[in-house]
Amino acid sequence: VVADERRELIDRIVAAEAEQDQLQSRA
């Protein structure tokens, strides 16, 4: 359970960083 939660959190961080890069490029 802890491993799954950690992977999910890492995936969310990576997705948020990718979205931030896209928004910065658009800005």
mmCIF file of all heavy atoms, coordinates in Angstrom:
data_MODEL
# 
_entry.id   MODEL 
# 
loop_
_atom_site.group_PDB 
_atom_site.id 
_atom_site.type_symbol 
_atom_site.label_atom_id 
_atom_site.label_alt_id 
_atom_site.label_comp_id 
_atom_site.label_asym_id 
_atom_site.label_entity_id 
_atom_site.label_seq_id 
_atom_site.pdbx_PDB_ins_code 
_atom_site.Cartn_x 
_atom_site.Cartn_y 
_atom_site.Cartn_z 
_atom_site.occupancy 
_atom_site.B_iso_or_equiv 
_atom_site.pdbx_formal_charge 
_atom_site.auth_seq_id 
_atom_site.auth_comp_id 
_atom_site.auth_asym_id 
_atom_site.auth_atom_id 
_atom_site.pdbx_PDB_model_num 
ATOM 1   N N   . VAL A 1 1  ? 0.839  -1.205 0.000   1.00 0.00 ? 1  VAL A N   1 
ATOM 2   C CA  . VAL A 1 1  ? 0.000  0.000  0.000   1.00 0.00 ? 1  VAL A CA  1 
ATOM 3   C C   . VAL A 1 1  ? 0.870  1.249  0.000   1.00 0.00 ? 1  VAL A C   1 
ATOM 4   O O   . VAL A 1 1  ? 0.626  2.214  -0.753  1.00 0.00 ? 1  VAL A O   1 
ATOM 5   C CB  . VAL A 1 1  ? -0.938 -0.016 1.229   1.00 0.00 ? 1  VAL A CB  1 
ATOM 6   C CG1 . VAL A 1 1  ? -1.767 1.264  1.261   1.00 0.00 ? 1  VAL A CG1 1 
ATOM 7   C CG2 . VAL A 1 1  ? -1.835 -1.235 1.190   1.00 0.00 ? 1  VAL A CG2 1 
ATOM 8   N N   . VAL A 1 2  ? 1.912  1.272  0.838   1.00 0.00 ? 2  VAL A N   1 
ATOM 9   C CA  . VAL A 1 2  ? 2.812  2.426  0.898   1.00 0.00 ? 2  VAL A CA  1 
ATOM 10  C C   . VAL A 1 2  ? 3.526  2.615  -0.437  1.00 0.00 ? 2  VAL A C   1 
ATOM 11  O O   . VAL A 1 2  ? 3.687  3.741  -0.929  1.00 0.00 ? 2  VAL A O   1 
ATOM 12  C CB  . VAL A 1 2  ? 3.829  2.242  2.037   1.00 0.00 ? 2  VAL A CB  1 
ATOM 13  C CG1 . VAL A 1 2  ? 4.867  3.366  2.016   1.00 0.00 ? 2  VAL A CG1 1 
ATOM 14  C CG2 . VAL A 1 2  ? 3.122  2.209  3.392   1.00 0.00 ? 2  VAL A CG2 1 
ATOM 15  N N   . ALA A 1 3  ? 3.962  1.507  -1.046  1.00 0.00 ? 3  ALA A N   1 
ATOM 16  C CA  . ALA A 1 3  ? 4.641  1.596  -2.337  1.00 0.00 ? 3  ALA A CA  1 
ATOM 17  C C   . ALA A 1 3  ? 3.714  2.154  -3.418  1.00 0.00 ? 3  ALA A C   1 
ATOM 18  O O   . ALA A 1 3  ? 4.122  2.981  -4.246  1.00 0.00 ? 3  ALA A O   1 
ATOM 19  C CB  . ALA A 1 3  ? 5.174  0.228  -2.746  1.00 0.00 ? 3  ALA A CB  1 
ATOM 20  N N   . ASP A 1 4  ? 2.462  1.719  -3.411  1.00 0.00 ? 4  ASP A N   1 
ATOM 21  C CA  . ASP A 1 4  ? 1.501  2.229  -4.396  1.00 0.00 ? 4  ASP A CA  1 
ATOM 22  C C   . ASP A 1 4  ? 1.256  3.720  -4.201  1.00 0.00 ? 4  ASP A C   1 
ATOM 23  O O   . ASP A 1 4  ? 1.186  4.485  -5.177  1.00 0.00 ? 4  ASP A O   1 
ATOM 24  C CB  . ASP A 1 4  ? 0.183  1.460  -4.289  1.00 0.00 ? 4  ASP A CB  1 
ATOM 25  C CG  . ASP A 1 4  ? 0.332  0.001  -4.733  1.00 0.00 ? 4  ASP A CG  1 
ATOM 26  O OD1 . ASP A 1 4  ? 1.312  -0.294 -5.439  1.00 0.00 ? 4  ASP A OD1 1 
ATOM 27  O OD2 . ASP A 1 4  ? -0.520 -0.825 -4.351  1.00 0.00 ? 4  ASP A OD2 1 
ATOM 28  N N   . GLU A 1 5  ? 1.108  4.148  -2.945  1.00 0.00 ? 5  GLU A N   1 
ATOM 29  C CA  . GLU A 1 5  ? 0.888  5.563  -2.666  1.00 0.00 ? 5  GLU A CA  1 
ATOM 30  C C   . GLU A 1 5  ? 2.096  6.398  -3.102  1.00 0.00 ? 5  GLU A C   1 
ATOM 31  O O   . GLU A 1 5  ? 1.943  7.507  -3.640  1.00 0.00 ? 5  GLU A O   1 
ATOM 32  C CB  . GLU A 1 5  ? 0.610  5.770  -1.182  1.00 0.00 ? 5  GLU A CB  1 
ATOM 33  C CG  . GLU A 1 5  ? -0.724 5.177  -0.721  1.00 0.00 ? 5  GLU A CG  1 
ATOM 34  C CD  . GLU A 1 5  ? -0.931 5.365  0.766   1.00 0.00 ? 5  GLU A CD  1 
ATOM 35  O OE1 . GLU A 1 5  ? 0.026  5.797  1.443   1.00 0.00 ? 5  GLU A OE1 1 
ATOM 36  O OE2 . GLU A 1 5  ? -2.047 5.078  1.250   1.00 0.00 ? 5  GLU A OE2 1 
ATOM 37  N N   . ARG A 1 6  ? 3.292  5.873  -2.878  1.00 0.00 ? 6  ARG A N   1 
ATOM 38  C CA  . ARG A 1 6  ? 4.497  6.597  -3.272  1.00 0.00 ? 6  ARG A CA  1 
ATOM 39  C C   . ARG A 1 6  ? 4.580  6.734  -4.794  1.00 0.00 ? 6  ARG A C   1 
ATOM 40  O O   . ARG A 1 6  ? 4.897  7.814  -5.319  1.00 0.00 ? 6  ARG A O   1 
ATOM 41  C CB  . ARG A 1 6  ? 5.732  5.876  -2.739  1.00 0.00 ? 6  ARG A CB  1 
ATOM 42  C CG  . ARG A 1 6  ? 7.042  6.590  -3.020  1.00 0.00 ? 6  ARG A CG  1 
ATOM 43  C CD  . ARG A 1 6  ? 8.192  5.861  -2.342  1.00 0.00 ? 6  ARG A CD  1 
ATOM 44  N NE  . ARG A 1 6  ? 9.442  6.573  -2.554  1.00 0.00 ? 6  ARG A NE  1 
ATOM 45  C CZ  . ARG A 1 6  ? 10.228 6.420  -3.613  1.00 0.00 ? 6  ARG A CZ  1 
ATOM 46  N NH1 . ARG A 1 6  ? 9.855  5.575  -4.580  1.00 0.00 ? 6  ARG A NH1 1 
ATOM 47  N NH2 . ARG A 1 6  ? 11.357 7.099  -3.729  1.00 0.00 ? 6  ARG A NH2 1 
ATOM 48  N N   . ARG A 1 7  ? 4.300  5.655  -5.512  1.00 0.00 ? 7  ARG A N   1 
ATOM 49  C CA  . ARG A 1 7  ? 4.316  5.720  -6.977  1.00 0.00 ? 7  ARG A CA  1 
ATOM 50  C C   . ARG A 1 7  ? 3.274  6.696  -7.497  1.00 0.00 ? 7  ARG A C   1 
ATOM 51  O O   . ARG A 1 7  ? 3.522  7.453  -8.441  1.00 0.00 ? 7  ARG A O   1 
ATOM 52  C CB  . ARG A 1 7  ? 4.087  4.315  -7.558  1.00 0.00 ? 7  ARG A CB  1 
ATOM 53  C CG  . ARG A 1 7  ? 5.313  3.404  -7.490  1.00 0.00 ? 7  ARG A CG  1 
ATOM 54  C CD  . ARG A 1 7  ? 5.105  2.182  -8.365  1.00 0.00 ? 7  ARG A CD  1 
ATOM 55  N NE  . ARG A 1 7  ? 3.991  1.370  -7.887  1.00 0.00 ? 7  ARG A NE  1 
ATOM 56  C CZ  . ARG A 1 7  ? 4.112  0.375  -7.033  1.00 0.00 ? 7  ARG A CZ  1 
ATOM 57  N NH1 . ARG A 1 7  ? 5.317  0.066  -6.539  1.00 0.00 ? 7  ARG A NH1 1 
ATOM 58  N NH2 . ARG A 1 7  ? 3.062  -0.328 -6.655  1.00 0.00 ? 7  ARG A NH2 1 
ATOM 59  N N   . GLU A 1 8  ? 2.087  6.686  -6.878  1.00 0.00 ? 8  GLU A N   1 
ATOM 60  C CA  . GLU A 1 8  ? 1.037  7.601  -7.313  1.00 0.00 ? 8  GLU A CA  1 
ATOM 61  C C   . GLU A 1 8  ? 1.444  9.053  -7.086  1.00 0.00 ? 8  GLU A C   1 
ATOM 62  O O   . GLU A 1 8  ? 1.220  9.921  -7.940  1.00 0.00 ? 8  GLU A O   1 
ATOM 63  C CB  . GLU A 1 8  ? -0.251 7.299  -6.548  1.00 0.00 ? 8  GLU A CB  1 
ATOM 64  C CG  . GLU A 1 8  ? -1.427 8.197  -6.947  1.00 0.00 ? 8  GLU A CG  1 
ATOM 65  C CD  . GLU A 1 8  ? -2.688 7.896  -6.136  1.00 0.00 ? 8  GLU A CD  1 
ATOM 66  O OE1 . GLU A 1 8  ? -2.648 6.950  -5.316  1.00 0.00 ? 8  GLU A OE1 1 
ATOM 67  O OE2 . GLU A 1 8  ? -3.680 8.607  -6.322  1.00 0.00 ? 8  GLU A OE2 1 
ATOM 68  N N   . LEU A 1 9  ? 2.093  9.313  -5.942  1.00 0.00 ? 9  LEU A N   1 
ATOM 69  C CA  . LEU A 1 9  ? 2.536  10.678 -5.648  1.00 0.00 ? 9  LEU A CA  1 
ATOM 70  C C   . LEU A 1 9  ? 3.616  11.119 -6.630  1.00 0.00 ? 9  LEU A C   1 
ATOM 71  O O   . LEU A 1 9  ? 3.600  12.266 -7.112  1.00 0.00 ? 9  LEU A O   1 
ATOM 72  C CB  . LEU A 1 9  ? 3.066  10.747 -4.211  1.00 0.00 ? 9  LEU A CB  1 
ATOM 73  C CG  . LEU A 1 9  ? 3.548  12.122 -3.722  1.00 0.00 ? 9  LEU A CG  1 
ATOM 74  C CD1 . LEU A 1 9  ? 2.423  13.135 -3.808  1.00 0.00 ? 9  LEU A CD1 1 
ATOM 75  C CD2 . LEU A 1 9  ? 4.073  12.027 -2.301  1.00 0.00 ? 9  LEU A CD2 1 
ATOM 76  N N   . ILE A 1 10 ? 4.544  10.218 -6.956  1.00 0.00 ? 10 ILE A N   1 
ATOM 77  C CA  . ILE A 1 10 ? 5.592  10.556 -7.915  1.00 0.00 ? 10 ILE A CA  1 
ATOM 78  C C   . ILE A 1 10 ? 4.992  10.844 -9.290  1.00 0.00 ? 10 ILE A C   1 
ATOM 79  O O   . ILE A 1 10 ? 5.384  11.799 -9.981  1.00 0.00 ? 10 ILE A O   1 
ATOM 80  C CB  . ILE A 1 10 ? 6.628  9.419  -7.992  1.00 0.00 ? 10 ILE A CB  1 
ATOM 81  C CG1 . ILE A 1 10 ? 7.403  9.313  -6.670  1.00 0.00 ? 10 ILE A CG1 1 
ATOM 82  C CG2 . ILE A 1 10 ? 7.587  9.634  -9.164  1.00 0.00 ? 10 ILE A CG2 1 
ATOM 83  C CD1 . ILE A 1 10 ? 8.362  8.152  -6.622  1.00 0.00 ? 10 ILE A CD1 1 
ATOM 84  N N   . ASP A 1 11 ? 4.029  10.032 -9.693  1.00 0.00 ? 11 ASP A N   1 
ATOM 85  C CA  . ASP A 1 11 ? 3.374  10.253 -10.995 1.00 0.00 ? 11 ASP A CA  1 
ATOM 86  C C   . ASP A 1 11 ? 2.671  11.612 -11.027 1.00 0.00 ? 11 ASP A C   1 
ATOM 87  O O   . ASP A 1 11 ? 2.716  12.324 -12.050 1.00 0.00 ? 11 ASP A O   1 
ATOM 88  C CB  . ASP A 1 11 ? 2.371  9.133  -11.269 1.00 0.00 ? 11 ASP A CB  1 
ATOM 89  C CG  . ASP A 1 11 ? 3.056  7.790  -11.487 1.00 0.00 ? 11 ASP A CG  1 
ATOM 90  O OD1 . ASP A 1 11 ? 4.262  7.787  -11.786 1.00 0.00 ? 11 ASP A OD1 1 
ATOM 91  O OD2 . ASP A 1 11 ? 2.382  6.744  -11.343 1.00 0.00 ? 11 ASP A OD2 1 
ATOM 92  N N   . ARG A 1 12 ? 2.031  11.971 -9.928  1.00 0.00 ? 12 ARG A N   1 
ATOM 93  C CA  . ARG A 1 12 ? 1.342  13.266 -9.878  1.00 0.00 ? 12 ARG A CA  1 
ATOM 94  C C   . ARG A 1 12 ? 2.338  14.416 -9.953  1.00 0.00 ? 12 ARG A C   1 
ATOM 95  O O   . ARG A 1 12 ? 2.083  15.436 -10.620 1.00 0.00 ? 12 ARG A O   1 
ATOM 96  C CB  . ARG A 1 12 ? 0.514  13.355 -8.604  1.00 0.00 ? 12 ARG A CB  1 
ATOM 97  C CG  . ARG A 1 12 ? -0.692 12.419 -8.565  1.00 0.00 ? 12 ARG A CG  1 
ATOM 98  C CD  . ARG A 1 12 ? -1.355 12.416 -7.204  1.00 0.00 ? 12 ARG A CD  1 
ATOM 99  N NE  . ARG A 1 12 ? -1.802 13.751 -6.828  1.00 0.00 ? 12 ARG A NE  1 
ATOM 100 C CZ  . ARG A 1 12 ? -2.324 14.041 -5.631  1.00 0.00 ? 12 ARG A CZ  1 
ATOM 101 N NH1 . ARG A 1 12 ? -2.443 13.084 -4.718  1.00 0.00 ? 12 ARG A NH1 1 
ATOM 102 N NH2 . ARG A 1 12 ? -2.712 15.262 -5.368  1.00 0.00 ? 12 ARG A NH2 1 
ATOM 103 N N   . ILE A 1 13 ? 3.487  14.269 -9.294  1.00 0.00 ? 13 ILE A N   1 
ATOM 104 C CA  . ILE A 1 13 ? 4.507  15.322 -9.333  1.00 0.00 ? 13 ILE A CA  1 
ATOM 105 C C   . ILE A 1 13 ? 5.057  15.472 -10.741 1.00 0.00 ? 13 ILE A C   1 
ATOM 106 O O   . ILE A 1 13 ? 5.219  16.602 -11.254 1.00 0.00 ? 13 ILE A O   1 
ATOM 107 C CB  . ILE A 1 13 ? 5.638  15.014 -8.331  1.00 0.00 ? 13 ILE A CB  1 
ATOM 108 C CG1 . ILE A 1 13 ? 5.113  15.098 -6.888  1.00 0.00 ? 13 ILE A CG1 1 
ATOM 109 C CG2 . ILE A 1 13 ? 6.813  15.956 -8.533  1.00 0.00 ? 13 ILE A CG2 1 
ATOM 110 C CD1 . ILE A 1 13 ? 6.111  14.669 -5.846  1.00 0.00 ? 13 ILE A CD1 1 
ATOM 111 N N   . VAL A 1 14 ? 5.356  14.349 -11.390 1.00 0.00 ? 14 VAL A N   1 
ATOM 112 C CA  . VAL A 1 14 ? 5.885  14.400 -12.754 1.00 0.00 ? 14 VAL A CA  1 
ATOM 113 C C   . VAL A 1 14 ? 4.871  15.040 -13.705 1.00 0.00 ? 14 VAL A C   1 
ATOM 114 O O   . VAL A 1 14 ? 5.223  15.861 -14.562 1.00 0.00 ? 14 VAL A O   1 
ATOM 115 C CB  . VAL A 1 14 ? 6.265  12.983 -13.227 1.00 0.00 ? 14 VAL A CB  1 
ATOM 116 C CG1 . VAL A 1 14 ? 6.623  12.977 -14.703 1.00 0.00 ? 14 VAL A CG1 1 
ATOM 117 C CG2 . VAL A 1 14 ? 7.429  12.445 -12.403 1.00 0.00 ? 14 VAL A CG2 1 
ATOM 118 N N   . ALA A 1 15 ? 3.597  14.672 -13.549 1.00 0.00 ? 15 ALA A N   1 
ATOM 119 C CA  . ALA A 1 15 ? 2.558  15.243 -14.409 1.00 0.00 ? 15 ALA A CA  1 
ATOM 120 C C   . ALA A 1 15 ? 2.414  16.747 -14.169 1.00 0.00 ? 15 ALA A C   1 
ATOM 121 O O   . ALA A 1 15 ? 2.253  17.532 -15.119 1.00 0.00 ? 15 ALA A O   1 
ATOM 122 C CB  . ALA A 1 15 ? 1.229  14.532 -14.164 1.00 0.00 ? 15 ALA A CB  1 
ATOM 123 N N   . ALA A 1 16 ? 2.483  17.162 -12.904 1.00 0.00 ? 16 ALA A N   1 
ATOM 124 C CA  . ALA A 1 16 ? 2.362  18.594 -12.596 1.00 0.00 ? 16 ALA A CA  1 
ATOM 125 C C   . ALA A 1 16 ? 3.539  19.377 -13.165 1.00 0.00 ? 16 ALA A C   1 
ATOM 126 O O   . ALA A 1 16 ? 3.365  20.494 -13.678 1.00 0.00 ? 16 ALA A O   1 
ATOM 127 C CB  . ALA A 1 16 ? 2.267  18.795 -11.085 1.00 0.00 ? 16 ALA A CB  1 
ATOM 128 N N   . GLU A 1 17 ? 4.748  18.812 -13.091 1.00 0.00 ? 17 GLU A N   1 
ATOM 129 C CA  . GLU A 1 17 ? 5.912  19.497 -13.644 1.00 0.00 ? 17 GLU A CA  1 
ATOM 130 C C   . GLU A 1 17 ? 5.804  19.609 -15.163 1.00 0.00 ? 17 GLU A C   1 
ATOM 131 O O   . GLU A 1 17 ? 6.161  20.648 -15.746 1.00 0.00 ? 17 GLU A O   1 
ATOM 132 C CB  . GLU A 1 17 ? 7.186  18.749 -13.252 1.00 0.00 ? 17 GLU A CB  1 
ATOM 133 C CG  . GLU A 1 17 ? 7.522  18.841 -11.758 1.00 0.00 ? 17 GLU A CG  1 
ATOM 134 C CD  . GLU A 1 17 ? 8.757  18.051 -11.413 1.00 0.00 ? 17 GLU A CD  1 
ATOM 135 O OE1 . GLU A 1 17 ? 9.191  17.223 -12.260 1.00 0.00 ? 17 GLU A OE1 1 
ATOM 136 O OE2 . GLU A 1 17 ? 9.293  18.236 -10.297 1.00 0.00 ? 17 GLU A OE2 1 
ATOM 137 N N   . ALA A 1 18 ? 5.326  18.553 -15.808 1.00 0.00 ? 18 ALA A N   1 
ATOM 138 C CA  . ALA A 1 18 ? 5.151  18.603 -17.268 1.00 0.00 ? 18 ALA A CA  1 
ATOM 139 C C   . ALA A 1 18 ? 4.119  19.663 -17.647 1.00 0.00 ? 18 ALA A C   1 
ATOM 140 O O   . ALA A 1 18 ? 4.311  20.425 -18.612 1.00 0.00 ? 18 ALA A O   1 
ATOM 141 C CB  . ALA A 1 18 ? 4.740  17.234 -17.790 1.00 0.00 ? 18 ALA A CB  1 
ATOM 142 N N   . GLU A 1 19 ? 3.025  19.735 -16.893 1.00 0.00 ? 19 GLU A N   1 
ATOM 143 C CA  . GLU A 1 19 ? 2.006  20.745 -17.172 1.00 0.00 ? 19 GLU A CA  1 
ATOM 144 C C   . GLU A 1 19 ? 2.555  22.148 -16.954 1.00 0.00 ? 19 GLU A C   1 
ATOM 145 O O   . GLU A 1 19 ? 2.256  23.074 -17.720 1.00 0.00 ? 19 GLU A O   1 
ATOM 146 C CB  . GLU A 1 19 ? 0.795  20.510 -16.274 1.00 0.00 ? 19 GLU A CB  1 
ATOM 147 C CG  . GLU A 1 19 ? -0.356 21.464 -16.526 1.00 0.00 ? 19 GLU A CG  1 
ATOM 148 C CD  . GLU A 1 19 ? -1.539 21.198 -15.617 1.00 0.00 ? 19 GLU A CD  1 
ATOM 149 O OE1 . GLU A 1 19 ? -1.449 20.278 -14.774 1.00 0.00 ? 19 GLU A OE1 1 
ATOM 150 O OE2 . GLU A 1 19 ? -2.554 21.907 -15.750 1.00 0.00 ? 19 GLU A OE2 1 
ATOM 151 N N   . GLN A 1 20 ? 3.378  22.307 -15.906 1.00 0.00 ? 20 GLN A N   1 
ATOM 152 C CA  . GLN A 1 20 ? 3.972  23.619 -15.658 1.00 0.00 ? 20 GLN A CA  1 
ATOM 153 C C   . GLN A 1 20 ? 4.888  24.036 -16.799 1.00 0.00 ? 20 GLN A C   1 
ATOM 154 O O   . GLN A 1 20 ? 4.887  25.201 -17.214 1.00 0.00 ? 20 GLN A O   1 
ATOM 155 C CB  . GLN A 1 20 ? 4.746  23.589 -14.343 1.00 0.00 ? 20 GLN A CB  1 
ATOM 156 C CG  . GLN A 1 20 ? 5.350  24.934 -13.954 1.00 0.00 ? 20 GLN A CG  1 
ATOM 157 C CD  . GLN A 1 20 ? 6.099  24.872 -12.646 1.00 0.00 ? 20 GLN A CD  1 
ATOM 158 O OE1 . GLN A 1 20 ? 6.330  23.799 -12.107 1.00 0.00 ? 20 GLN A OE1 1 
ATOM 159 N NE2 . GLN A 1 20 ? 6.488  26.008 -12.122 1.00 0.00 ? 20 GLN A NE2 1 
ATOM 160 N N   . ASP A 1 21 ? 5.665  23.094 -17.331 1.00 0.00 ? 21 ASP A N   1 
ATOM 161 C CA  . ASP A 1 21 ? 6.547  23.410 -18.459 1.00 0.00 ? 21 ASP A CA  1 
ATOM 162 C C   . ASP A 1 21 ? 5.736  23.827 -19.688 1.00 0.00 ? 21 ASP A C   1 
ATOM 163 O O   . ASP A 1 21 ? 6.111  24.771 -20.407 1.00 0.00 ? 21 ASP A O   1 
ATOM 164 C CB  . ASP A 1 21 ? 7.423  22.200 -18.791 1.00 0.00 ? 21 ASP A CB  1 
ATOM 165 C CG  . ASP A 1 21 ? 8.424  21.891 -17.680 1.00 0.00 ? 21 ASP A CG  1 
ATOM 166 O OD1 . ASP A 1 21 ? 8.707  22.797 -16.882 1.00 0.00 ? 21 ASP A OD1 1 
ATOM 167 O OD2 . ASP A 1 21 ? 8.900  20.736 -17.611 1.00 0.00 ? 21 ASP A OD2 1 
ATOM 168 N N   . GLN A 1 22 ? 4.632  23.144 -19.927 1.00 0.00 ? 22 GLN A N   1 
ATOM 169 C CA  . GLN A 1 22 ? 3.790  23.496 -21.066 1.00 0.00 ? 22 GLN A CA  1 
ATOM 170 C C   . GLN A 1 22 ? 3.192  24.887 -20.906 1.00 0.00 ? 22 GLN A C   1 
ATOM 171 O O   . GLN A 1 22 ? 3.159  25.686 -21.859 1.00 0.00 ? 22 GLN A O   1 
ATOM 172 C CB  . GLN A 1 22 ? 2.682  22.456 -21.234 1.00 0.00 ? 22 GLN A CB  1 
ATOM 173 C CG  . GLN A 1 22 ? 3.170  21.074 -21.638 1.00 0.00 ? 22 GLN A CG  1 
ATOM 174 C CD  . GLN A 1 22 ? 2.056  20.063 -21.710 1.00 0.00 ? 22 GLN A CD  1 
ATOM 175 O OE1 . GLN A 1 22 ? 0.902  20.363 -21.429 1.00 0.00 ? 22 GLN A OE1 1 
ATOM 176 N NE2 . GLN A 1 22 ? 2.401  18.835 -22.091 1.00 0.00 ? 22 GLN A NE2 1 
ATOM 177 N N   . LEU A 1 23 ? 2.721  25.181 -19.695 1.00 0.00 ? 23 LEU A N   1 
ATOM 178 C CA  . LEU A 1 23 ? 2.149  26.502 -19.447 1.00 0.00 ? 23 LEU A CA  1 
ATOM 179 C C   . LEU A 1 23 ? 3.202  27.600 -19.564 1.00 0.00 ? 23 LEU A C   1 
ATOM 180 O O   . LEU A 1 23 ? 2.914  28.700 -20.071 1.00 0.00 ? 23 LEU A O   1 
ATOM 181 C CB  . LEU A 1 23 ? 1.510  26.531 -18.058 1.00 0.00 ? 23 LEU A CB  1 
ATOM 182 C CG  . LEU A 1 23 ? 0.273  25.640 -17.865 1.00 0.00 ? 23 LEU A CG  1 
ATOM 183 C CD1 . LEU A 1 23 ? -0.181 25.675 -16.410 1.00 0.00 ? 23 LEU A CD1 1 
ATOM 184 C CD2 . LEU A 1 23 ? -0.863 26.101 -18.776 1.00 0.00 ? 23 LEU A CD2 1 
ATOM 185 N N   . GLN A 1 24 ? 4.434  27.306 -19.102 1.00 0.00 ? 24 GLN A N   1 
ATOM 186 C CA  . GLN A 1 24 ? 5.491  28.293 -19.216 1.00 0.00 ? 24 GLN A CA  1 
ATOM 187 C C   . GLN A 1 24 ? 5.827  28.569 -20.671 1.00 0.00 ? 24 GLN A C   1 
ATOM 188 O O   . GLN A 1 24 ? 6.039  29.719 -21.086 1.00 0.00 ? 24 GLN A O   1 
ATOM 189 C CB  . GLN A 1 24 ? 6.743  27.795 -18.470 1.00 0.00 ? 24 GLN A CB  1 
ATOM 190 C CG  . GLN A 1 24 ? 7.925  28.748 -18.538 1.00 0.00 ? 24 GLN A CG  1 
ATOM 191 C CD  . GLN A 1 24 ? 7.585  30.103 -17.947 1.00 0.00 ? 24 GLN A CD  1 
ATOM 192 O OE1 . GLN A 1 24 ? 6.939  30.183 -16.900 1.00 0.00 ? 24 GLN A OE1 1 
ATOM 193 N NE2 . GLN A 1 24 ? 8.010  31.164 -18.608 1.00 0.00 ? 24 GLN A NE2 1 
ATOM 194 N N   . SER A 1 25 ? 5.870  27.506 -21.483 1.00 0.00 ? 25 SER A N   1 
ATOM 195 C CA  . SER A 1 25 ? 6.138  27.680 -22.909 1.00 0.00 ? 25 SER A CA  1 
ATOM 196 C C   . SER A 1 25 ? 5.041  28.502 -23.577 1.00 0.00 ? 25 SER A C   1 
ATOM 197 O O   . SER A 1 25 ? 5.311  29.393 -24.395 1.00 0.00 ? 25 SER A O   1 
ATOM 198 C CB  . SER A 1 25 ? 6.268  26.312 -23.582 1.00 0.00 ? 25 SER A CB  1 
ATOM 199 O OG  . SER A 1 25 ? 6.461  26.440 -24.968 1.00 0.00 ? 25 SER A OG  1 
ATOM 200 N N   . ARG A 1 26 ? 3.802  28.205 -23.210 1.00 0.00 ? 26 ARG A N   1 
ATOM 201 C CA  . ARG A 1 26 ? 2.678  28.961 -23.767 1.00 0.00 ? 26 ARG A CA  1 
ATOM 202 C C   . ARG A 1 26 ? 2.719  30.426 -23.328 1.00 0.00 ? 26 ARG A C   1 
ATOM 203 O O   . ARG A 1 26 ? 2.434  31.337 -24.127 1.00 0.00 ? 26 ARG A O   1 
ATOM 204 C CB  . ARG A 1 26 ? 1.360  28.323 -23.322 1.00 0.00 ? 26 ARG A CB  1 
ATOM 205 C CG  . ARG A 1 26 ? 0.111  29.016 -23.815 1.00 0.00 ? 26 ARG A CG  1 
ATOM 206 C CD  . ARG A 1 26 ? 0.080  29.101 -25.326 1.00 0.00 ? 26 ARG A CD  1 
ATOM 207 N NE  . ARG A 1 26 ? -1.147 29.716 -25.811 1.00 0.00 ? 26 ARG A NE  1 
ATOM 208 C CZ  . ARG A 1 26 ? -1.315 30.192 -27.036 1.00 0.00 ? 26 ARG A CZ  1 
ATOM 209 N NH1 . ARG A 1 26 ? -0.315 30.119 -27.921 1.00 0.00 ? 26 ARG A NH1 1 
ATOM 210 N NH2 . ARG A 1 26 ? -2.458 30.738 -27.405 1.00 0.00 ? 26 ARG A NH2 1 
ATOM 211 N N   . ALA A 1 27 ? 3.117  30.671 -22.076 1.00 0.00 ? 27 ALA A N   1 
ATOM 212 C CA  . ALA A 1 27 ? 3.205  32.049 -21.589 1.00 0.00 ? 27 ALA A CA  1 
ATOM 213 C C   . ALA A 1 27 ? 4.279  32.823 -22.339 1.00 0.00 ? 27 ALA A C   1 
ATOM 214 O O   . ALA A 1 27 ? 4.108  34.014 -22.652 1.00 0.00 ? 27 ALA A O   1 
ATOM 215 C CB  . ALA A 1 27 ? 3.506  32.048 -20.090 1.00 0.00 ? 27 ALA A CB  1 
# 
